[in-house]
Amino acid sequence: MTRLLLPLIASLLLSGSAIAAPAASASAAASAASSAASAAPPLPDTTVALASDDPNDLLWQPDSDIIPTGQRGQLGANVIGPQNVPIDLQNADLLAPPTTDHGEIPNAKWPFSLSHNRLQTGGWAREQNVNAMPIATSIAGVNMRLEAGSIRSLHWHKTSEWAFILKGSVQITAVNSDGQNFIGTVNPGDLWFFPAGMPHSLQATAASPDGAEFLLVFPDGGFSEDSTFLLTDWLAHVPKEVIAKNFQTSISAFDHLVDQELYIFPSTPPPPNEQPPKSPQGTIPDPFTFAFSKVKPTQFSGGTFKPVDSTLFKASTEISAAEVTVEPGAMRFWHPTQDEWSYFISGQGRVTIHAGTSAARTFDYEAGDVGFVPASMGHYVENTGNTTLHYLEIFNSDRVQDVSLSQWLALTPPELVQKHLDLPQDVLDKLTNNFKTKAVVVGPQ
């Protein structure tokens, strides 16, 4: 028995000495820490690892003469199976994403080049909706082309319609429920807007021999251009005797009524400055057109910003927008208070979307691409090319609103910012002093 107890007693004695020594050390350390604390202000507690300084630049350009690989630094590997090289060249941050990307975010990029195109005599139309990009639940878009004189026939929608002219000019017509009418011509960079249910038409003028091309936006991600209400489709499915009775004429007056819809069809261009038929109810008081091209943008260090909403374009009560340019190396860093649907007109850019809960993903865009960021998700737009990036930000709201990251921090107590970011004092002072006014587009250093 004694032989069994002796090792146990020895173990307990050793254990006791081992416990006593750290206690004394802890006491000494606490005393030292207390002295240090009285000599200098406490630093923020480091509860997680510091962010990496490893570069996360764009690894190649769409026109790079390389075979892209799924590698970034020591991560990843080359592609040894089949590869669509042109697509990989256009999407460097999908094949070789920044190491800051994390988690899952639905696809937020759709090139109109991948949309099915509806070809008609006189033009075409291709669309993006939730079938193409499911994340874009609140906004859909259509890219439409009309040859000179061609007509997008009289029609109406269940949703409102906002438009931006890319090339050429278009004459629009409309009649509201009060019997007031409207005719207007829209030129490159200008806008139109029709409320839901309002019958209207579009016709390319002869201002350009090529006709016109434009962007249509609808505040409903499920919208389809193929399901609009067309005058010709409606009357083709109403008995002719009913139509004749409505117009107080004979059935023979409608001998040339088509038996299917006319969607886009050729015609002679409208005369310049055509006037609407005189209505006893008058004309629509708030014009459905807006000369956005004549609005002067605000210049910032990295580009320009030009917003338009119902404070300027009174008829546009459901959609607002901003036209943005970003110079090479510059960026726009912020988050919106509404869903944002973007259309890229020229140049190339990079967008990282942060969705909360550590989820972030980066996408690359160029001319003809559509992007989408759900409300409140932080993101930036960086020009990654050598020419000016030009794009539209479009919102399903009557106001353009956003929160700037730099302005948010500049107008927050510096001590609180410092506890989060532990910045050098000169950087903190620069942030506090230089960014109290919103820097919408920030230039390169």
Foldseek 3Di string as FASTA:
>chain_A
DVVVCVVVVVVVVVVVVVVVVVVVVVVVVVVVVVVVCVVDPDAFDDPDDDDDPQDFAQPAALPDPDQDALDDVPDHTGDPDDDPRNVCRQWSCVSHNGPLADDDDFDFKDFQVPFDWADDAFWIKTWAFCVGGVVLFFKIKMKIFGAAQKKQAWFFAQFKKKKAWQAAKKWKKWADPLRAIDIDMAHHGKMFIDGHPIIMMITFHVPDNRTTIMMMMTRGRPDDPVPIGGPLQVVLPDDLVVVCVVVVHDSVVCPPRDNHGDRMHHDHGDDPPDDDPQTPSYHDPQGRIGHQVPDDWDDFPFWTKGWDFCVRRVVRAFKIKMKIKGAAFKKFWWFFQFKKKKAWAAAKKKKWWADPPSHIGMTIDGHRMMGIHGHPITMMIHGNDHGMTIMMIMGRGRDGGIGGPLLVCLPDPLVVVCSVPVDPPVVSVCSNPPPVDPRRMGHHD
